Amino acid sequence: LMANGRTKPSAKTSLSTFIYNRREGTFLGRTGKSWGIF
């Protein structure tokens, strides 16, 4: 358990969430706007 009471996500879940995070709308940790600026 983590400090917030949740279980730690599996490595596969963490990697797939890093690649595309639906909740935050990010791809590789960046938003579409930040990719445009880059």
Protein backbone atom coordinates (compact mmCIF):
# COMPACT_ATOMS: atom_id res chain seq x y z
CA LEU A 1 0.00 0.00 0.00
CA MET A 2 1.07 3.53 -0.69
CA ALA A 3 0.68 6.51 1.65
CA ASN A 4 -2.63 7.46 -0.01
CA GLY A 5 -4.08 4.02 0.76
CA ARG A 6 -3.97 2.77 -2.83
CA THR A 7 -1.98 -0.13 -4.13
CA LYS A 8 0.99 0.54 -6.38
CA PRO A 9 0.10 0.09 -10.08
CA SER A 10 1.96 -2.56 -12.02
CA ALA A 11 4.95 -1.53 -14.15
CA LYS A 12 2.98 -2.30 -17.32
CA THR A 13 0.12 -0.05 -16.24
CA SER A 14 2.53 2.73 -15.27
CA LEU A 15 4.30 2.55 -18.63
CA SER A 16 1.09 2.54 -20.64
CA THR A 17 -0.25 5.47 -18.60
CA PHE A 18 2.99 7.39 -19.22
CA ILE A 19 2.75 6.76 -22.96
CA TYR A 20 -0.88 7.92 -23.14
CA ASN A 21 -2.75 9.25 -20.13
CA ARG A 22 -6.47 9.56 -20.96
CA ARG A 23 -7.30 11.26 -17.68
CA GLU A 24 -4.84 14.12 -18.28
CA GLY A 25 -4.86 13.97 -22.08
CA THR A 26 -1.08 13.65 -22.33
CA PHE A 27 1.20 11.70 -24.66
CA LEU A 28 4.66 10.90 -23.26
CA GLY A 29 3.90 13.28 -20.41
CA ARG A 30 3.17 16.28 -22.64
CA THR A 31 -0.05 17.91 -23.81
CA GLY A 32 -0.75 18.69 -27.46
CA LYS A 33 -0.06 22.35 -26.79
CA SER A 34 3.33 21.63 -25.21
CA TRP A 35 4.25 19.40 -28.18
CA GLY A 36 3.38 22.28 -30.51
CA ILE A 37 5.65 24.65 -28.61
CA PHE A 38 8.44 22.06 -28.60
